[in-house]
Structures are given as C-alpha cells and as structure tokens.
Amino acid sequence: MTMTALPGRGGELAALLLRVAEGLRGCAGCEIYLIGQDAADPDTVRVTEVWRAEDDARAALAAPPPAGAPAPADVLALLSAPPHRTDLTVLGGVGLPAGDQP
C-alpha cells in the first residue's frame, strides 16, 4: 500500500505506522508488515503486508487497536490522498517460512 502524507509529515506518518506494526506482533495470520519511506520523497510511505489469509487481514483491521496503538483514523488524518492498495498473489521468495510459501 502506498500512502502520501500531508506535506512535510511523512516522518510522522512512518512513525505512526511503525506503532501500528508493533501492535500487529503476534497477530494471527500476519506474516510480514513492513514500513518503508521513499528515499526520494519522504512524504511517500509504503506498507508491505503478507497475511496467511484475507480473513486474517480483515479481522485485524476490524479489531480494536491494542492499548497504545494508533487507530486507523489517526493514520488517515495524516494522508493527503486516499491510500493506494495493490493486491499481489505471493509466489515465493525470501522472508516467509518455507512451509508458508506456495
């Protein structure tokens, strides 16, 4: 997912998303949740997520955030435009346990 922060607030957005990632530690079905900031445009932040199943991702999004974790509305308040989501079918690679790759 690509997110564009309000001008000059990319660092704040990235920090908030890192807190979201901490709240997902141990979350059922969350294999990867990476936050990256564009080196050429720090107001562009990308989130790479891999979930065991779409239902796991939906359940995590619907659940109340853990204590101290930001709510989705907190993230949305920092965006200058709606996030852009790209869905992929994971074929394999490095980073997932061997038994979880197709």
Foldseek 3Di string as FASTA:
>chain_A
DKFFFDPPCLVVLLVLQVLQVVQCVVQAFWQDWDWDADPVHSRIIDIDTGGLDPVSVVVSLPDDGDPPHDHPVVNVVGTPDDGDDDDDDAQDDPRGPPVSHD
